Amino acid sequence: MNADMTYKKIYWTDHVKLKMRQYGLSKGKLLNLLAKPERKEQGIAPQTVAVMTANKSYSKVKKPSGEIWLMYADTDNLRKIISAWRYPGISKPGEPIPIPESILKELENINGEYE
């Protein structure tokens, strides 16, 4: 386990549970992304972090390339998983996080759930 995740209780917001169903993402896949991200950026919301991994295919059927993103916020003993999404393209490090407009609007409507 990554030292960054040690002793942190994971809290899954209702928003991320909805997005997990929408994008076909499992808790296991997202926990693995938290433990071993390919890239880490500042999140779009204050005091949040966004992590990314490339969408990998282990079958013979070619899946479209893209990225899986997860945004979270940390407190002393709690890690709140705020949102997760699939990005169909390949983003460049250091550029703004490619978050779908629908997720941005939904996050704006959540009154302090991630703070």
Protein backbone atom coordinates (compact mmCIF):
# COMPACT_ATOMS: atom_id res chain seq x y z
CA MET A 1 0.00 0.00 0.00
CA ASN A 2 1.17 3.46 -0.85
CA ALA A 3 2.40 5.46 2.18
CA ASP A 4 0.11 8.29 1.05
CA MET A 5 -2.91 6.04 1.78
CA THR A 6 -1.75 4.67 5.14
CA TYR A 7 -4.26 5.06 7.98
CA LYS A 8 -6.77 6.97 5.88
CA LYS A 9 -10.38 5.86 6.02
CA ILE A 10 -12.00 6.04 2.57
CA TYR A 11 -15.33 7.84 2.23
CA TRP A 12 -17.21 7.47 -1.07
CA THR A 13 -19.55 10.39 -1.87
CA ASP A 14 -22.92 9.71 -3.48
CA HIS A 15 -21.64 11.59 -6.53
CA VAL A 16 -18.74 9.21 -7.11
CA LYS A 17 -21.00 6.17 -6.58
CA LEU A 18 -23.23 7.47 -9.37
CA LYS A 19 -20.24 8.11 -11.64
CA MET A 20 -18.85 4.63 -10.94
CA ARG A 21 -22.08 3.13 -12.28
CA GLN A 22 -22.19 5.56 -15.21
CA TYR A 23 -18.61 4.87 -16.35
CA GLY A 24 -18.41 1.19 -15.33
CA LEU A 25 -15.69 1.75 -12.71
CA SER A 26 -15.26 -0.59 -9.73
CA LYS A 27 -14.06 0.28 -6.23
CA GLY A 28 -11.11 -2.04 -6.78
CA LYS A 29 -10.05 -0.23 -9.95
CA LEU A 30 -10.32 3.16 -8.25
CA LEU A 31 -8.48 2.01 -5.12
CA ASN A 32 -5.70 0.69 -7.36
CA LEU A 33 -5.61 4.08 -9.11
CA LEU A 34 -5.26 5.78 -5.71
CA ALA A 35 -2.40 3.47 -4.75
CA LYS A 36 -0.53 3.64 -8.08
CA PRO A 37 -1.46 6.70 -10.14
CA GLU A 38 0.41 7.38 -13.36
CA ARG A 39 -0.04 11.10 -12.82
CA LYS A 40 -1.12 13.41 -10.00
CA GLU A 41 -2.47 16.93 -10.54
CA GLN A 42 -4.18 19.62 -8.48
CA GLY A 43 -7.95 19.05 -8.53
CA ILE A 44 -10.43 21.57 -9.88
CA ALA A 45 -12.07 22.09 -6.48
CA PRO A 46 -10.13 23.80 -3.65
CA GLN A 47 -7.83 21.48 -1.70
CA THR A 48 -8.43 18.47 -3.94
CA VAL A 49 -6.12 16.17 -5.85
CA ALA A 50 -6.79 14.42 -9.16
CA VAL A 51 -5.02 11.23 -10.15
CA MET A 52 -5.00 9.49 -13.52
CA THR A 53 -4.14 6.19 -15.14
CA ALA A 54 -4.28 5.18 -18.78
CA ASN A 55 -7.18 2.93 -19.77
CA LYS A 56 -5.50 -0.44 -20.30
CA SER A 57 -6.94 -3.40 -22.17
CA TYR A 58 -5.82 -6.94 -21.32
CA SER A 59 -8.06 -8.69 -23.83
CA LYS A 60 -7.48 -9.35 -27.52
CA VAL A 61 -10.34 -7.01 -28.37
CA LYS A 62 -8.96 -3.50 -28.89
CA LYS A 63 -10.56 -1.00 -26.51
CA PRO A 64 -10.46 2.71 -27.24
CA SER A 65 -7.58 4.49 -25.57
CA GLY A 66 -8.23 7.06 -22.91
CA GLU A 67 -7.72 7.84 -19.25
CA ILE A 68 -9.46 7.17 -15.96
CA TRP A 69 -9.47 10.10 -13.52
CA LEU A 70 -10.33 10.27 -9.83
CA MET A 71 -10.61 13.38 -7.64
CA TYR A 72 -10.30 13.28 -3.85
CA ALA A 73 -9.77 15.49 -0.80
CA ASP A 74 -7.82 14.59 2.34
CA THR A 75 -8.39 15.52 5.96
CA ASP A 76 -6.37 14.22 8.91
CA ASN A 77 -7.73 10.66 8.95
CA LEU A 78 -10.18 10.66 6.05
CA ARG A 79 -9.87 10.53 2.28
CA LYS A 80 -13.08 11.63 0.52
CA ILE A 81 -13.43 10.27 -2.99
CA ILE A 82 -15.35 13.04 -4.75
CA SER A 83 -15.63 12.04 -8.39
CA ALA A 84 -14.34 9.67 -11.06
CA TRP A 85 -14.65 9.71 -14.83
CA ARG A 86 -13.32 8.35 -18.09
CA TYR A 87 -11.66 10.79 -20.48
CA PRO A 88 -11.67 9.51 -24.07
CA GLY A 89 -8.45 11.25 -25.12
CA ILE A 90 -4.91 11.62 -23.82
CA SER A 91 -4.28 14.70 -21.69
CA LYS A 92 -0.98 16.51 -21.32
CA PRO A 93 0.73 16.82 -17.92
CA GLY A 94 0.41 20.24 -16.33
CA GLU A 95 -2.58 21.31 -18.43
CA PRO A 96 -6.07 21.72 -16.92
CA ILE A 97 -7.68 18.45 -15.95
CA PRO A 98 -10.02 17.20 -18.68
CA ILE A 99 -13.22 16.95 -16.64
CA PRO A 100 -16.56 16.61 -18.45
CA GLU A 101 -18.82 19.68 -18.27
CA SER A 102 -21.64 17.59 -16.76
CA ILE A 103 -19.44 16.60 -13.81
CA LEU A 104 -18.33 20.20 -13.30
CA LYS A 105 -21.96 21.32 -13.07
CA GLU A 106 -22.85 18.49 -10.69
CA LEU A 107 -19.90 19.32 -8.43
CA GLU A 108 -20.95 22.98 -8.33
CA ASN A 109 -24.37 21.86 -7.03
CA ILE A 110 -22.88 19.78 -4.19
CA ASN A 111 -22.87 22.17 -1.23
CA GLY A 112 -19.65 21.45 0.62
CA GLU A 113 -19.90 17.65 0.46
CA TYR A 114 -16.21 17.39 -0.43
CA GLU A 115 -14.94 20.08 1.92
